[in-house]
Protein backbone atom coordinates (compact mmCIF):
# COMPACT_ATOMS: atom_id res chain seq x y z
CA MET A 1 -0.09 -0.09 -0.09
CA LYS A 2 2.87 2.50 0.95
CA THR A 3 4.79 1.68 -2.10
CA ALA A 4 1.27 2.00 -4.32
CA PHE A 5 1.05 5.51 -2.54
CA ASN A 6 4.80 6.57 -3.23
CA ILE A 7 4.62 5.45 -6.84
CA VAL A 8 1.49 7.76 -7.39
CA LEU A 9 2.91 10.51 -5.40
CA GLY A 10 6.32 10.42 -7.23
CA LEU A 11 4.04 10.42 -10.52
CA CYS A 12 2.04 13.70 -9.59
CA ALA A 13 5.65 15.26 -8.45
CA ALA A 14 6.58 14.35 -11.79
CA ALA A 15 3.33 15.80 -13.84
CA LEU A 16 3.73 18.80 -11.47
CA VAL A 17 7.64 19.12 -12.52
CA TYR A 18 6.15 18.58 -16.37
CA ILE A 19 3.57 21.40 -16.11
CA CYS A 20 6.11 24.10 -14.43
CA TYR A 21 8.49 23.42 -17.31
CA ALA A 22 5.79 23.63 -19.93
CA SER A 23 4.12 26.91 -18.27
CA ILE A 24 7.93 28.35 -18.72
CA MET A 25 9.14 26.90 -21.83
CA GLY A 26 5.87 27.17 -23.50
CA PRO A 27 6.08 30.68 -23.92
CA ILE A 28 9.88 30.59 -24.67
CA ASP A 29 9.18 27.94 -27.63
CA PHE A 30 6.49 30.09 -28.76
CA GLU A 31 8.36 33.28 -29.35
CA GLU A 32 11.34 31.68 -30.87
CA ALA A 33 8.95 30.06 -33.71
CA LYS A 34 7.16 33.14 -34.21
CA GLN A 35 10.42 34.84 -34.88
CA HIS A 36 11.43 32.29 -37.12
CA ARG A 37 8.03 32.49 -39.25
CA GLU A 38 8.02 36.06 -38.70
CA LYS A 39 11.40 36.46 -40.33
CA ALA A 40 10.43 35.32 -43.45
CA VAL A 41 7.31 36.87 -43.61
CA ILE A 42 9.01 40.12 -43.44
CA SER A 43 11.65 38.95 -46.02
CA ARG A 44 8.96 38.28 -48.34
CA LEU A 45 6.99 41.55 -47.69
CA ILE A 46 10.20 43.56 -48.52
CA ASP A 47 10.37 41.83 -51.88
CA ILE A 48 7.00 42.89 -52.40
CA ARG A 49 8.07 46.26 -51.25
CA LYS A 50 11.01 46.28 -53.59
CA ALA A 51 8.85 45.49 -56.75
CA GLN A 52 6.38 47.99 -55.74
CA MET A 53 8.56 50.96 -55.68
CA GLU A 54 10.09 49.86 -58.97
CA PHE A 55 6.92 49.36 -60.62
CA ARG A 56 5.44 53.20 -59.79
CA THR A 57 8.93 54.66 -61.41
CA LEU A 58 7.38 53.46 -64.88
CA HIS A 59 3.73 53.93 -63.88
CA LYS A 60 3.46 57.51 -63.13
CA GLY A 61 3.62 56.94 -59.29
CA GLN A 62 1.30 54.50 -59.31
CA TYR A 63 1.09 50.96 -57.63
CA THR A 64 -0.56 47.94 -58.23
CA ALA A 65 -3.33 46.05 -56.51
CA SER A 66 -2.83 42.75 -58.51
CA PHE A 67 -0.13 40.31 -57.68
CA ASP A 68 -0.46 39.05 -61.56
CA THR A 69 0.30 42.16 -62.74
CA LEU A 70 3.20 43.10 -60.11
CA ILE A 71 4.82 39.35 -60.83
CA THR A 72 4.49 39.95 -64.63
CA PHE A 73 6.49 43.47 -64.29
CA VAL A 74 8.88 41.57 -62.06
CA LYS A 75 9.17 38.71 -64.97
CA THR A 76 9.39 40.69 -68.08
CA GLN A 77 9.95 44.63 -67.01
CA LYS A 78 13.14 46.58 -67.84
CA LEU A 79 14.44 49.37 -65.75
CA PRO A 80 16.66 52.38 -66.68
CA PHE A 81 19.99 52.75 -65.51
CA VAL A 82 22.09 55.70 -66.72
CA SER A 83 25.89 55.93 -66.55
CA LYS A 84 27.56 59.24 -66.11
CA GLU A 85 30.57 60.72 -66.86
CA GLY A 86 31.49 64.15 -66.23
CA VAL A 87 29.72 66.87 -64.12
CA LEU A 88 28.62 70.31 -65.18
CA SER A 89 30.86 73.09 -63.83
CA ASP A 90 29.92 76.11 -61.38
CA LYS A 91 30.38 78.23 -64.71
CA GLN A 92 28.53 76.19 -66.76
CA LEU A 93 25.37 75.98 -64.70
CA GLU A 94 25.72 79.81 -63.84
CA ASP A 95 25.84 80.22 -67.64
CA GLY A 96 22.32 78.40 -67.63
CA MET A 97 23.78 75.18 -68.59
CA THR A 98 21.72 71.89 -67.64
CA GLU A 99 22.04 68.07 -68.41
CA ARG A 100 19.29 68.07 -70.54
CA LYS A 101 20.83 70.98 -72.53
CA ALA A 102 24.10 69.39 -72.40
CA MET A 103 22.74 66.02 -73.69
CA ALA A 104 20.69 67.94 -76.56
CA LEU A 105 24.13 69.21 -77.84
CA ILE A 106 25.91 66.13 -77.53
CA ASN A 107 23.06 64.15 -79.49
CA LYS A 108 22.91 66.80 -82.23
CA ALA A 109 26.94 66.31 -82.57
CA LYS A 110 26.49 62.87 -82.78
CA LYS A 111 23.84 63.03 -85.47
CA THR A 112 25.84 65.68 -87.54
CA ASN A 113 29.47 64.55 -86.65
CA ASN A 114 30.09 68.27 -85.94
CA TRP A 115 31.42 68.55 -82.42
CA LYS A 116 32.49 72.55 -82.38
CA GLU A 117 29.41 73.46 -80.25
CA VAL A 118 30.39 70.81 -77.56
CA GLU A 119 34.02 71.68 -77.55
CA ALA A 120 33.01 75.64 -76.84
CA ALA A 121 30.65 74.26 -74.56
CA GLY A 122 33.34 71.97 -72.63
CA LEU A 123 31.40 69.14 -72.96
CA MET A 124 33.82 66.88 -74.36
CA ASN A 125 34.10 64.92 -71.49
CA PHE A 126 30.40 65.01 -70.46
CA LYS A 127 28.44 61.73 -70.71
CA ARG A 128 25.09 60.22 -70.06
CA ASP A 129 24.05 56.69 -71.46
CA THR A 130 20.96 54.64 -70.42
CA THR A 131 20.99 51.22 -70.53
CA TRP A 132 17.96 48.79 -69.46
CA VAL A 133 18.57 46.05 -67.25
CA ALA A 134 15.66 43.30 -66.38
CA VAL A 135 13.87 44.16 -63.03
CA MET A 136 14.64 40.34 -61.90
CA ASP A 137 18.40 41.22 -62.55
CA THR A 138 18.47 44.34 -60.42
CA LEU A 139 16.09 43.68 -57.73
CA PHE A 140 16.37 40.01 -56.85
CA PRO A 141 19.31 37.54 -56.25
CA ARG A 142 20.03 35.03 -59.04
CA GLY A 143 17.44 31.98 -59.03
CA PHE A 144 14.67 34.11 -57.53
CA ASN A 145 11.14 33.09 -58.01
CA ALA A 146 8.85 35.87 -58.54
CA ASP A 147 5.84 33.46 -58.02
CA SER A 148 6.57 33.01 -54.61
CA LEU A 149 5.95 37.12 -53.94
CA ARG A 150 1.83 36.42 -53.71
CA TYR A 151 2.28 33.71 -50.99
CA VAL A 152 2.73 34.01 -47.33
CA PRO A 153 5.46 31.97 -45.75
CA PHE A 154 3.90 29.19 -43.48
CA GLY A 155 0.80 30.23 -44.61
CA GLY A 156 -0.45 26.84 -46.52
CA GLY A 157 -0.79 28.56 -49.59
CA ALA A 158 -2.50 31.62 -48.52
CA GLN A 159 -1.85 34.79 -50.12
CA PHE A 160 -0.95 37.98 -48.92
CA GLU A 161 -3.93 40.96 -48.89
CA MET A 162 -2.74 43.67 -51.16
CA ALA A 163 -4.51 47.05 -51.93
CA VAL A 164 -3.93 50.34 -53.57
CA LYS A 165 -5.57 53.43 -52.77
CA ASN A 166 -5.26 56.79 -55.27
CA ASP A 167 -6.11 60.36 -53.83
CA THR A 168 -5.59 63.66 -53.91
CA ALA A 169 -3.75 66.00 -51.25
CA LYS A 170 -5.05 69.41 -50.32
CA SER A 171 -2.82 71.37 -52.36
CA GLY A 172 -4.35 69.11 -55.51
CA ALA A 173 -1.23 66.72 -55.69
CA PRO A 174 -1.69 63.56 -56.19
CA ILE A 175 -1.55 60.77 -53.56
CA PHE A 176 -0.57 57.09 -54.26
CA LEU A 177 -0.57 54.38 -51.40
CA PHE A 178 -0.19 50.54 -51.29
CA GLU A 179 -0.66 48.15 -48.53
CA VAL A 180 -0.03 44.32 -48.32
CA ARG A 181 -0.67 42.48 -45.18
CA THR A 182 -1.07 39.15 -43.77
CA PRO A 183 -2.74 38.22 -39.96
CA TYR A 184 -1.13 36.29 -37.36
CA ASP A 185 -4.11 33.61 -37.60
CA THR A 186 -2.17 32.71 -41.44
CA TYR A 187 1.24 32.33 -40.64
CA LEU A 188 1.22 31.56 -36.96
CA ASN A 189 -1.29 28.59 -38.00
CA GLY A 190 -0.65 25.58 -35.99
CA LEU A 191 1.42 27.51 -32.80
CA ASP A 192 -0.14 27.50 -29.16
CA LYS A 193 -3.63 28.92 -29.74
CA GLN A 194 -3.78 30.71 -26.34
CA GLU A 195 -0.32 32.29 -27.10
CA VAL A 196 -1.50 33.30 -30.59
CA ALA A 197 -5.03 34.56 -28.73
CA ASN A 198 -2.91 36.29 -26.16
CA LEU A 199 -0.83 38.52 -28.65
CA LYS A 200 -3.62 39.59 -30.59
CA ASP A 201 -5.29 40.89 -27.67
CA VAL A 202 -2.33 42.88 -26.79
CA GLN A 203 -2.37 44.47 -30.21
CA THR A 204 -5.88 44.89 -30.34
CA LYS A 205 -5.64 46.89 -27.14
CA LEU A 206 -3.17 49.11 -28.26
CA GLY A 207 -4.86 49.56 -31.60
CA LYS A 208 -2.20 47.93 -33.80
CA TYR A 209 -2.93 45.38 -36.76
CA CYS A 210 -3.07 41.74 -35.70
CA GLY A 211 -0.24 40.62 -37.72
CA LEU A 212 2.74 41.74 -40.36
CA MET A 213 2.28 44.59 -43.00
CA VAL A 214 4.31 47.08 -44.87
CA GLY A 215 2.56 50.58 -46.51
CA SER A 216 -0.66 51.79 -45.91
CA ILE A 217 -3.68 52.74 -47.74
CA GLU A 218 -4.79 55.00 -44.86
CA THR A 219 -1.86 56.82 -43.48
CA PRO A 220 1.31 58.00 -46.31
CA ASN A 221 4.30 56.16 -44.49
CA ASN A 222 6.81 55.78 -47.58
CA GLY A 223 6.28 52.09 -47.73
CA ALA A 224 6.91 51.42 -44.19
CA GLY A 225 6.75 47.92 -42.56
CA ASN A 226 5.18 47.92 -39.14
CA TRP A 227 7.93 46.13 -37.39
CA GLU A 228 10.13 49.03 -38.47
């Protein structure tokens, strides 16, 4: 009888130790897993932001709300790259010379093969050459899979939510905004539900989005991420 009691007591003690251990290590394990997943999600959001920023340079400042459009842009579009040699002197600038005027003189000389005006303006060593480089080669490492942009890491095939907003400032200037986000429930799926609920509760009380996002269609923020 005493032996059985000792066994039961030992089992209870072991269970208590396990419960204490789990109560301590549970939040620690959750935080490690959360940080691991968030690192991958943030990396993907940064890639989307880079693509959007380059997209707008060729589309009059506007972003796209379509991943199909953005991915096609990344796969097929080229960006202008200007190589520069020489700079305009203070004297040239004071005389009203600009880079546009300088290139107009140089282009005229190339067509006529008459370089007297270029020489007189002191522009013989002034060059501006534009080459076009593929977006894939400019923004992303070799082997990058553009089709992955739409998918949330650890999201089980879920896609990011992406939206744009075109507005007008009080001054009349156009405002173009974009936003890409994904909630905790998507990329923390499978982790401790109570820890996820606790995390969401804290963010809700702080008035913050329960997840990761870049940009905002509510407030201009230059495409900042909510982790930055």
